[in-house]
All heavy atoms as atom14 arrays in JSON, in Angstrom:
{
  "sequence": "MTGWRIGYAGGPTQLIGAMRKVQSQSTSNPSSISQWAAVEALNG",
  "atom14_mask": [
    [1, 1, 1, 1, 1, 1, 1, 1, 0, 0, 0, 0, 0, 0],
    [1, 1, 1, 1, 1, 1, 1, 0, 0, 0, 0, 0, 0, 0],
    [1, 1, 1, 1, 0, 0, 0, 0, 0, 0, 0, 0, 0, 0],
    [1, 1, 1, 1, 1, 1, 1, 1, 1, 1, 1, 1, 1, 1],
    [1, 1, 1, 1, 1, 1, 1, 1, 1, 1, 1, 0, 0, 0],
    [1, 1, 1, 1, 1, 1, 1, 1, 0, 0, 0, 0, 0, 0],
    [1, 1, 1, 1, 0, 0, 0, 0, 0, 0, 0, 0, 0, 0],
    [1, 1, 1, 1, 1, 1, 1, 1, 1, 1, 1, 1, 0, 0],
    [1, 1, 1, 1, 1, 0, 0, 0, 0, 0, 0, 0, 0, 0],
    [1, 1, 1, 1, 0, 0, 0, 0, 0, 0, 0, 0, 0, 0],
    [1, 1, 1, 1, 0, 0, 0, 0, 0, 0, 0, 0, 0, 0],
    [1, 1, 1, 1, 1, 1, 1, 0, 0, 0, 0, 0, 0, 0],
    [1, 1, 1, 1, 1, 1, 1, 0, 0, 0, 0, 0, 0, 0],
    [1, 1, 1, 1, 1, 1, 1, 1, 1, 0, 0, 0, 0, 0],
    [1, 1, 1, 1, 1, 1, 1, 1, 0, 0, 0, 0, 0, 0],
    [1, 1, 1, 1, 1, 1, 1, 1, 0, 0, 0, 0, 0, 0],
    [1, 1, 1, 1, 0, 0, 0, 0, 0, 0, 0, 0, 0, 0],
    [1, 1, 1, 1, 1, 0, 0, 0, 0, 0, 0, 0, 0, 0],
    [1, 1, 1, 1, 1, 1, 1, 1, 0, 0, 0, 0, 0, 0],
    [1, 1, 1, 1, 1, 1, 1, 1, 1, 1, 1, 0, 0, 0],
    [1, 1, 1, 1, 1, 1, 1, 1, 1, 0, 0, 0, 0, 0],
    [1, 1, 1, 1, 1, 1, 1, 0, 0, 0, 0, 0, 0, 0],
    [1, 1, 1, 1, 1, 1, 1, 1, 1, 0, 0, 0, 0, 0],
    [1, 1, 1, 1, 1, 1, 0, 0, 0, 0, 0, 0, 0, 0],
    [1, 1, 1, 1, 1, 1, 1, 1, 1, 0, 0, 0, 0, 0],
    [1, 1, 1, 1, 1, 1, 0, 0, 0, 0, 0, 0, 0, 0],
    [1, 1, 1, 1, 1, 1, 1, 0, 0, 0, 0, 0, 0, 0],
    [1, 1, 1, 1, 1, 1, 0, 0, 0, 0, 0, 0, 0, 0],
    [1, 1, 1, 1, 1, 1, 1, 1, 0, 0, 0, 0, 0, 0],
    [1, 1, 1, 1, 1, 1, 1, 0, 0, 0, 0, 0, 0, 0],
    [1, 1, 1, 1, 1, 1, 0, 0, 0, 0, 0, 0, 0, 0],
    [1, 1, 1, 1, 1, 1, 0, 0, 0, 0, 0, 0, 0, 0],
    [1, 1, 1, 1, 1, 1, 1, 1, 0, 0, 0, 0, 0, 0],
    [1, 1, 1, 1, 1, 1, 0, 0, 0, 0, 0, 0, 0, 0],
    [1, 1, 1, 1, 1, 1, 1, 1, 1, 0, 0, 0, 0, 0],
    [1, 1, 1, 1, 1, 1, 1, 1, 1, 1, 1, 1, 1, 1],
    [1, 1, 1, 1, 1, 0, 0, 0, 0, 0, 0, 0, 0, 0],
    [1, 1, 1, 1, 1, 0, 0, 0, 0, 0, 0, 0, 0, 0],
    [1, 1, 1, 1, 1, 1, 1, 0, 0, 0, 0, 0, 0, 0],
    [1, 1, 1, 1, 1, 1, 1, 1, 1, 0, 0, 0, 0, 0],
    [1, 1, 1, 1, 1, 0, 0, 0, 0, 0, 0, 0, 0, 0],
    [1, 1, 1, 1, 1, 1, 1, 1, 0, 0, 0, 0, 0, 0],
    [1, 1, 1, 1, 1, 1, 1, 1, 0, 0, 0, 0, 0, 0],
    [1, 1, 1, 1, 0, 0, 0, 0, 0, 0, 0, 0, 0, 0]
  ],
  "atom14_positions": [
    [[-6.24, 10.17, -4.79], [-5.21, 9.14, -4.98], [-3.82, 9.69, -4.64], [-2.84, 9.36, -5.3], [-5.24, 8.63, -6.43], [-6.5, 7.88, -6.81], [-6.55, 7.41, -8.56], [-5.23, 6.19, -8.64], [0.0, 0.0, 0.0], [0.0, 0.0, 0.0], [0.0, 0.0, 0.0], [0.0, 0.0, 0.0], [0.0, 0.0, 0.0], [0.0, 0.0, 0.0]],
    [[-3.74, 10.52, -3.6], [-2.45, 11.15, -3.27], [-1.35, 10.12, -3.02], [-0.22, 10.28, -3.49], [-2.6, 12.07, -2.05], [-3.25, 11.34, -0.99], [-3.43, 13.3, -2.39], [0.0, 0.0, 0.0], [0.0, 0.0, 0.0], [0.0, 0.0, 0.0], [0.0, 0.0, 0.0], [0.0, 0.0, 0.0], [0.0, 0.0, 0.0], [0.0, 0.0, 0.0]],
    [[-1.67, 9.06, -2.31], [-0.65, 8.07, -1.98], [-0.28, 7.13, -3.12], [0.72, 6.42, -3.03], [0.0, 0.0, 0.0], [0.0, 0.0, 0.0], [0.0, 0.0, 0.0], [0.0, 0.0, 0.0], [0.0, 0.0, 0.0], [0.0, 0.0, 0.0], [0.0, 0.0, 0.0], [0.0, 0.0, 0.0], [0.0, 0.0, 0.0], [0.0, 0.0, 0.0]],
    [[-1.06, 7.13, -4.18], [-0.77, 6.26, -5.32], [0.39, 6.81, -6.15], [1.03, 6.06, -6.88], [-2.01, 6.11, -6.21], [-3.19, 5.48, -5.55], [-4.06, 6.07, -4.67], [-3.64, 4.13, -5.7], [-5.02, 5.18, -4.26], [-4.8, 3.98, -4.89], [-3.2, 3.04, -6.45], [-5.49, 2.79, -4.81], [-3.92, 1.86, -6.37], [-5.04, 1.73, -5.55]],
    [[0.62, 8.1, -6.08], [1.76, 8.78, -6.7], [1.81, 8.6, -8.21], [2.72, 7.99, -8.76], [3.09, 8.31, -6.08], [3.18, 8.39, -4.57], [2.83, 9.76, -4.02], [3.75, 10.81, -4.5], [3.34, 12.01, -4.91], [2.05, 12.31, -4.94], [4.22, 12.9, -5.31], [0.0, 0.0, 0.0], [0.0, 0.0, 0.0], [0.0, 0.0, 0.0]],
    [[0.83, 9.18, -8.9], [0.84, 9.2, -10.37], [0.55, 10.63, -10.85], [-0.53, 11.19, -10.6], [-0.21, 8.24, -10.97], [0.14, 6.78, -10.65], [-0.3, 8.46, -12.49], [1.38, 6.26, -11.35], [0.0, 0.0, 0.0], [0.0, 0.0, 0.0], [0.0, 0.0, 0.0], [0.0, 0.0, 0.0], [0.0, 0.0, 0.0], [0.0, 0.0, 0.0]],
    [[1.54, 11.2, -11.53], [1.37, 12.46, -12.23], [1.69, 12.24, -13.69], [2.31, 11.24, -14.06], [0.0, 0.0, 0.0], [0.0, 0.0, 0.0], [0.0, 0.0, 0.0], [0.0, 0.0, 0.0], [0.0, 0.0, 0.0], [0.0, 0.0, 0.0], [0.0, 0.0, 0.0], [0.0, 0.0, 0.0], [0.0, 0.0, 0.0], [0.0, 0.0, 0.0]],
    [[1.29, 13.18, -14.53], [1.56, 13.01, -15.96], [1.6, 14.37, -16.63], [1.21, 15.4, -16.06], [0.51, 12.12, -16.62], [-0.93, 12.6, -16.49], [-1.45, 13.55, -17.36], [-1.78, 12.08, -15.51], [-2.75, 13.99, -17.26], [-3.09, 12.51, -15.4], [-3.57, 13.46, -16.28], [-4.86, 13.89, -16.18], [0.0, 0.0, 0.0], [0.0, 0.0, 0.0]],
    [[2.09, 14.37, -17.87], [2.16, 15.61, -18.64], [2.11, 15.3, -20.12], [2.49, 14.21, -20.57], [3.43, 16.37, -18.31], [0.0, 0.0, 0.0], [0.0, 0.0, 0.0], [0.0, 0.0, 0.0], [0.0, 0.0, 0.0], [0.0, 0.0, 0.0], [0.0, 0.0, 0.0], [0.0, 0.0, 0.0], [0.0, 0.0, 0.0], [0.0, 0.0, 0.0]],
    [[1.65, 16.29, -20.88], [1.72, 16.26, -22.33], [2.56, 17.43, -22.79], [2.46, 18.54, -22.25], [0.0, 0.0, 0.0], [0.0, 0.0, 0.0], [0.0, 0.0, 0.0], [0.0, 0.0, 0.0], [0.0, 0.0, 0.0], [0.0, 0.0, 0.0], [0.0, 0.0, 0.0], [0.0, 0.0, 0.0], [0.0, 0.0, 0.0], [0.0, 0.0, 0.0]],
    [[3.41, 17.19, -23.8], [4.27, 18.26, -24.28], [5.01, 17.87, -25.54], [4.81, 16.76, -26.08], [0.0, 0.0, 0.0], [0.0, 0.0, 0.0], [0.0, 0.0, 0.0], [0.0, 0.0, 0.0], [0.0, 0.0, 0.0], [0.0, 0.0, 0.0], [0.0, 0.0, 0.0], [0.0, 0.0, 0.0], [0.0, 0.0, 0.0], [0.0, 0.0, 0.0]],
    [[5.89, 18.74, -26.02], [6.67, 18.44, -27.23], [7.5, 17.17, -27.08], [8.04, 16.9, -26.0], [7.56, 19.68, -27.38], [6.84, 20.77, -26.64], [6.16, 20.08, -25.5], [0.0, 0.0, 0.0], [0.0, 0.0, 0.0], [0.0, 0.0, 0.0], [0.0, 0.0, 0.0], [0.0, 0.0, 0.0], [0.0, 0.0, 0.0], [0.0, 0.0, 0.0]],
    [[7.61, 16.42, -28.15], [8.29, 15.12, -28.11], [9.72, 15.22, -27.61], [10.18, 14.39, -26.82], [8.27, 14.47, -29.51], [6.92, 14.41, -29.97], [8.84, 13.07, -29.48], [0.0, 0.0, 0.0], [0.0, 0.0, 0.0], [0.0, 0.0, 0.0], [0.0, 0.0, 0.0], [0.0, 0.0, 0.0], [0.0, 0.0, 0.0], [0.0, 0.0, 0.0]],
    [[10.44, 16.25, -28.04], [11.84, 16.4, -27.62], [11.95, 16.6, -26.11], [12.81, 16.03, -25.45], [12.51, 17.55, -28.36], [14.01, 17.68, -28.06], [14.66, 18.82, -28.83], [13.99, 19.64, -29.45], [15.98, 18.86, -28.81], [0.0, 0.0, 0.0], [0.0, 0.0, 0.0], [0.0, 0.0, 0.0], [0.0, 0.0, 0.0], [0.0, 0.0, 0.0]],
    [[11.07, 17.43, -25.56], [11.07, 17.67, -24.12], [10.7, 16.39, -23.36], [11.35, 16.03, -22.37], [10.1, 18.79, -23.77], [9.84, 19.03, -22.27], [11.13, 19.39, -21.54], [8.79, 20.12, -22.07], [0.0, 0.0, 0.0], [0.0, 0.0, 0.0], [0.0, 0.0, 0.0], [0.0, 0.0, 0.0], [0.0, 0.0, 0.0], [0.0, 0.0, 0.0]],
    [[9.67, 15.71, -23.83], [9.24, 14.47, -23.17], [10.37, 13.44, -23.19], [10.61, 12.73, -22.21], [7.97, 13.92, -23.85], [6.79, 14.88, -23.66], [7.63, 12.52, -23.31], [6.37, 15.12, -22.22], [0.0, 0.0, 0.0], [0.0, 0.0, 0.0], [0.0, 0.0, 0.0], [0.0, 0.0, 0.0], [0.0, 0.0, 0.0], [0.0, 0.0, 0.0]],
    [[11.09, 13.36, -24.3], [12.23, 12.44, -24.37], [13.32, 12.79, -23.39], [13.93, 11.91, -22.77], [0.0, 0.0, 0.0], [0.0, 0.0, 0.0], [0.0, 0.0, 0.0], [0.0, 0.0, 0.0], [0.0, 0.0, 0.0], [0.0, 0.0, 0.0], [0.0, 0.0, 0.0], [0.0, 0.0, 0.0], [0.0, 0.0, 0.0], [0.0, 0.0, 0.0]],
    [[13.58, 14.09, -23.22], [14.59, 14.53, -22.26], [14.15, 14.21, -20.83], [14.96, 13.78, -19.99], [14.84, 16.02, -22.41], [0.0, 0.0, 0.0], [0.0, 0.0, 0.0], [0.0, 0.0, 0.0], [0.0, 0.0, 0.0], [0.0, 0.0, 0.0], [0.0, 0.0, 0.0], [0.0, 0.0, 0.0], [0.0, 0.0, 0.0], [0.0, 0.0, 0.0]],
    [[12.87, 14.38, -20.55], [12.35, 14.04, -19.22], [12.43, 12.54, -18.97], [12.73, 12.1, -17.86], [10.9, 14.53, -19.09], [10.76, 16.04, -19.08], [9.06, 16.63, -19.32], [8.22, 15.86, -17.95], [0.0, 0.0, 0.0], [0.0, 0.0, 0.0], [0.0, 0.0, 0.0], [0.0, 0.0, 0.0], [0.0, 0.0, 0.0], [0.0, 0.0, 0.0]],
    [[12.2, 11.75, -20.02], [12.31, 10.29, -19.89], [13.75, 9.9, -19.52], [13.97, 9.02, -18.69], [11.91, 9.63, -21.2], [11.95, 8.08, -21.16], [11.67, 7.47, -22.53], [10.45, 8.02, -23.11], [10.41, 8.71, -24.24], [11.52, 8.96, -24.92], [9.26, 9.16, -24.71], [0.0, 0.0, 0.0], [0.0, 0.0, 0.0], [0.0, 0.0, 0.0]],
    [[14.71, 10.58, -20.11], [16.12, 10.29, -19.82], [16.44, 10.56, -18.35], [17.09, 9.76, -17.68], [17.03, 11.12, -20.72], [18.51, 10.82, -20.54], [19.39, 11.72, -21.4], [19.25, 11.41, -22.87], [20.25, 12.19, -23.68], [0.0, 0.0, 0.0], [0.0, 0.0, 0.0], [0.0, 0.0, 0.0], [0.0, 0.0, 0.0], [0.0, 0.0, 0.0]],
    [[15.94, 11.69, -17.84], [16.15, 12.02, -16.42], [15.52, 10.95, -15.53], [16.15, 10.44, -14.59], [15.56, 13.41, -16.08], [15.61, 13.66, -14.57], [16.31, 14.51, -16.82], [0.0, 0.0, 0.0], [0.0, 0.0, 0.0], [0.0, 0.0, 0.0], [0.0, 0.0, 0.0], [0.0, 0.0, 0.0], [0.0, 0.0, 0.0], [0.0, 0.0, 0.0]],
    [[14.28, 10.59, -15.84], [13.57, 9.62, -15.0], [14.19, 8.23, -15.07], [14.23, 7.51, -14.07], [12.09, 9.58, -15.4], [11.23, 8.72, -14.47], [9.76, 9.09, -14.58], [9.39, 10.26, -14.57], [8.92, 8.08, -14.7], [0.0, 0.0, 0.0], [0.0, 0.0, 0.0], [0.0, 0.0, 0.0], [0.0, 0.0, 0.0], [0.0, 0.0, 0.0]],
    [[14.7, 7.87, -16.25], [15.29, 6.53, -16.4], [16.53, 6.36, -15.55], [16.89, 5.23, -15.19], [15.62, 6.27, -17.87], [16.74, 7.06, -18.3], [0.0, 0.0, 0.0], [0.0, 0.0, 0.0], [0.0, 0.0, 0.0], [0.0, 0.0, 0.0], [0.0, 0.0, 0.0], [0.0, 0.0, 0.0], [0.0, 0.0, 0.0], [0.0, 0.0, 0.0]],
    [[17.18, 7.47, -15.19], [18.39, 7.38, -14.37], [18.14, 7.81, -12.93], [19.09, 7.94, -12.15], [19.5, 8.24, -14.99], [19.93, 7.8, -16.38], [20.52, 6.4, -16.41], [20.79, 5.79, -15.37], [20.72, 5.86, -17.61], [0.0, 0.0, 0.0], [0.0, 0.0, 0.0], [0.0, 0.0, 0.0], [0.0, 0.0, 0.0], [0.0, 0.0, 0.0]],
    [[16.89, 8.03, -12.57], [16.57, 8.36, -11.17], [15.65, 7.29, -10.58], [16.12, 6.32, -9.99], [15.97, 9.76, -11.05], [14.83, 9.89, -11.88], [0.0, 0.0, 0.0], [0.0, 0.0, 0.0], [0.0, 0.0, 0.0], [0.0, 0.0, 0.0], [0.0, 0.0, 0.0], [0.0, 0.0, 0.0], [0.0, 0.0, 0.0], [0.0, 0.0, 0.0]],
    [[14.36, 7.41, -10.8], [13.43, 6.44, -10.21], [13.04, 5.32, -11.15], [12.53, 4.3, -10.72], [12.13, 7.14, -9.77], [11.5, 7.7, -10.94], [12.42, 8.24, -8.77], [0.0, 0.0, 0.0], [0.0, 0.0, 0.0], [0.0, 0.0, 0.0], [0.0, 0.0, 0.0], [0.0, 0.0, 0.0], [0.0, 0.0, 0.0], [0.0, 0.0, 0.0]],
    [[13.19, 5.53, -12.46], [12.6, 4.65, -13.48], [11.08, 4.69, -13.33], [10.53, 5.72, -12.98], [13.17, 3.24, -13.41], [12.88, 2.53, -14.6], [0.0, 0.0, 0.0], [0.0, 0.0, 0.0], [0.0, 0.0, 0.0], [0.0, 0.0, 0.0], [0.0, 0.0, 0.0], [0.0, 0.0, 0.0], [0.0, 0.0, 0.0], [0.0, 0.0, 0.0]],
    [[10.4, 3.59, -13.58], [8.94, 3.66, -13.72], [8.2, 3.9, -12.41], [8.65, 3.46, -11.33], [8.39, 2.39, -14.37], [8.53, 1.16, -13.48], [9.58, 0.53, -13.47], [7.47, 0.8, -12.75], [0.0, 0.0, 0.0], [0.0, 0.0, 0.0], [0.0, 0.0, 0.0], [0.0, 0.0, 0.0], [0.0, 0.0, 0.0], [0.0, 0.0, 0.0]],
    [[7.05, 4.59, -12.47], [6.15, 4.64, -11.31], [5.61, 3.24, -11.04], [5.7, 2.34, -11.88], [5.03, 5.59, -11.75], [5.51, 6.24, -13.0], [6.5, 5.31, -13.62], [0.0, 0.0, 0.0], [0.0, 0.0, 0.0], [0.0, 0.0, 0.0], [0.0, 0.0, 0.0], [0.0, 0.0, 0.0], [0.0, 0.0, 0.0], [0.0, 0.0, 0.0]],
    [[5.02, 3.04, -9.87], [4.43, 1.76, -9.5], [3.51, 1.23, -10.6], [2.61, 1.94, -11.06], [3.64, 1.91, -8.2], [2.71, 0.86, -8.05], [0.0, 0.0, 0.0], [0.0, 0.0, 0.0], [0.0, 0.0, 0.0], [0.0, 0.0, 0.0], [0.0, 0.0, 0.0], [0.0, 0.0, 0.0], [0.0, 0.0, 0.0], [0.0, 0.0, 0.0]],
    [[3.75, 0.0, -11.0], [2.91, -0.6, -12.05], [1.45, -0.68, -11.6], [0.53, -0.43, -12.39], [3.43, -1.99, -12.41], [3.4, -2.86, -11.29], [0.0, 0.0, 0.0], [0.0, 0.0, 0.0], [0.0, 0.0, 0.0], [0.0, 0.0, 0.0], [0.0, 0.0, 0.0], [0.0, 0.0, 0.0], [0.0, 0.0, 0.0], [0.0, 0.0, 0.0]],
    [[1.22, -1.02, -10.35], [-0.15, -1.14, -9.84], [-0.84, 0.22, -9.86], [-2.02, 0.34, -10.25], [-0.15, -1.71, -8.4], [0.58, -3.06, -8.36], [-1.57, -1.86, -7.89], [0.09, -4.08, -9.37], [0.0, 0.0, 0.0], [0.0, 0.0, 0.0], [0.0, 0.0, 0.0], [0.0, 0.0, 0.0], [0.0, 0.0, 0.0], [0.0, 0.0, 0.0]],
    [[-0.13, 1.25, -9.44], [-0.71, 2.6, -9.46], [-1.04, 3.03, -10.88], [-2.04, 3.73, -11.11], [0.28, 3.59, -8.83], [0.46, 3.32, -7.45], [0.0, 0.0, 0.0], [0.0, 0.0, 0.0], [0.0, 0.0, 0.0], [0.0, 0.0, 0.0], [0.0, 0.0, 0.0], [0.0, 0.0, 0.0], [0.0, 0.0, 0.0], [0.0, 0.0, 0.0]],
    [[-0.21, 2.64, -11.84], [-0.49, 3.0, -13.23], [-1.81, 2.38, -13.71], [-2.62, 3.05, -14.36], [0.66, 2.57, -14.13], [1.94, 3.38, -13.93], [2.97, 3.03, -14.98], [2.76, 3.25, -16.17], [4.1, 2.47, -14.54], [0.0, 0.0, 0.0], [0.0, 0.0, 0.0], [0.0, 0.0, 0.0], [0.0, 0.0, 0.0], [0.0, 0.0, 0.0]],
    [[-2.02, 1.11, -13.38], [-3.28, 0.48, -13.8], [-4.48, 1.09, -13.09], [-5.57, 1.21, -13.67], [-3.2, -1.04, -13.58], [-2.36, -1.71, -14.61], [-1.1, -2.22, -14.47], [-2.72, -1.92, -15.98], [-0.65, -2.73, -15.66], [-1.62, -2.57, -16.62], [-3.84, -1.63, -16.75], [-1.62, -2.91, -17.96], [-3.86, -1.98, -18.09], [-2.75, -2.61, -18.68]],
    [[-4.29, 1.49, -11.84], [-5.37, 2.19, -11.14], [-5.67, 3.52, -11.83], [-6.85, 3.92, -11.96], [-4.98, 2.42, -9.69], [0.0, 0.0, 0.0], [0.0, 0.0, 0.0], [0.0, 0.0, 0.0], [0.0, 0.0, 0.0], [0.0, 0.0, 0.0], [0.0, 0.0, 0.0], [0.0, 0.0, 0.0], [0.0, 0.0, 0.0], [0.0, 0.0, 0.0]],
    [[-4.63, 4.21, -12.3], [-4.81, 5.5, -12.97], [-5.52, 5.34, -14.31], [-6.28, 6.22, -14.73], [-3.47, 6.19, -13.15], [0.0, 0.0, 0.0], [0.0, 0.0, 0.0], [0.0, 0.0, 0.0], [0.0, 0.0, 0.0], [0.0, 0.0, 0.0], [0.0, 0.0, 0.0], [0.0, 0.0, 0.0], [0.0, 0.0, 0.0], [0.0, 0.0, 0.0]],
    [[-5.27, 4.22, -15.0], [-6.0, 3.94, -16.24], [-7.51, 3.94, -15.97], [-8.31, 4.56, -16.68], [-5.57, 2.59, -16.86], [-6.49, 2.2, -18.01], [-4.13, 2.65, -17.34], [0.0, 0.0, 0.0], [0.0, 0.0, 0.0], [0.0, 0.0, 0.0], [0.0, 0.0, 0.0], [0.0, 0.0, 0.0], [0.0, 0.0, 0.0], [0.0, 0.0, 0.0]],
    [[-7.9, 3.25, -14.9], [-9.32, 3.19, -14.55], [-9.83, 4.56, -14.1], [-10.97, 4.93, -14.42], [-9.54, 2.15, -13.45], [-10.98, 2.06, -12.94], [-11.99, 1.67, -14.01], [-11.6, 1.04, -15.01], [-13.19, 1.99, -13.82], [0.0, 0.0, 0.0], [0.0, 0.0, 0.0], [0.0, 0.0, 0.0], [0.0, 0.0, 0.0], [0.0, 0.0, 0.0]],
    [[-9.0, 5.3, -13.36], [-9.42, 6.63, -12.91], [-9.78, 7.52, -14.1], [-10.81, 8.2, -14.11], [-8.32, 7.28, -12.08], [0.0, 0.0, 0.0], [0.0, 0.0, 0.0], [0.0, 0.0, 0.0], [0.0, 0.0, 0.0], [0.0, 0.0, 0.0], [0.0, 0.0, 0.0], [0.0, 0.0, 0.0], [0.0, 0.0, 0.0], [0.0, 0.0, 0.0]],
    [[-8.94, 7.5, -15.13], [-9.15, 8.39, -16.27], [-10.2, 7.86, -17.23], [-10.95, 8.65, -17.83], [-7.83, 8.61, -17.01], [-6.73, 9.33, -16.22], [-5.46, 9.44, -17.04], [-7.2, 10.71, -15.78], [0.0, 0.0, 0.0], [0.0, 0.0, 0.0], [0.0, 0.0, 0.0], [0.0, 0.0, 0.0], [0.0, 0.0, 0.0], [0.0, 0.0, 0.0]],
    [[-10.26, 6.54, -17.41], [-11.21, 5.95, -18.37], [-12.56, 5.62, -17.76], [-13.55, 5.49, -18.47], [-10.62, 4.66, -18.96], [-9.51, 4.93, -19.97], [-9.34, 6.04, -20.43], [-8.76, 3.89, -20.29], [0.0, 0.0, 0.0], [0.0, 0.0, 0.0], [0.0, 0.0, 0.0], [0.0, 0.0, 0.0], [0.0, 0.0, 0.0], [0.0, 0.0, 0.0]],
    [[-12.6, 5.44, -16.44], [-13.81, 4.96, -15.78], [-14.81, 6.06, -15.48], [-14.7, 7.19, -15.97], [0.0, 0.0, 0.0], [0.0, 0.0, 0.0], [0.0, 0.0, 0.0], [0.0, 0.0, 0.0], [0.0, 0.0, 0.0], [0.0, 0.0, 0.0], [0.0, 0.0, 0.0], [0.0, 0.0, 0.0], [0.0, 0.0, 0.0], [0.0, 0.0, 0.0]]
  ]
}
């Protein structure tokens, strides 16, 4: 799924919050469609 462009991470809440702040002022959310495809990739 290289072209779908979905990466993720788990980590301490404070760090994740800081990363959210960076992303909210750069790209904001990844593609909604790609996110739903990733749900199926991980759960399916």
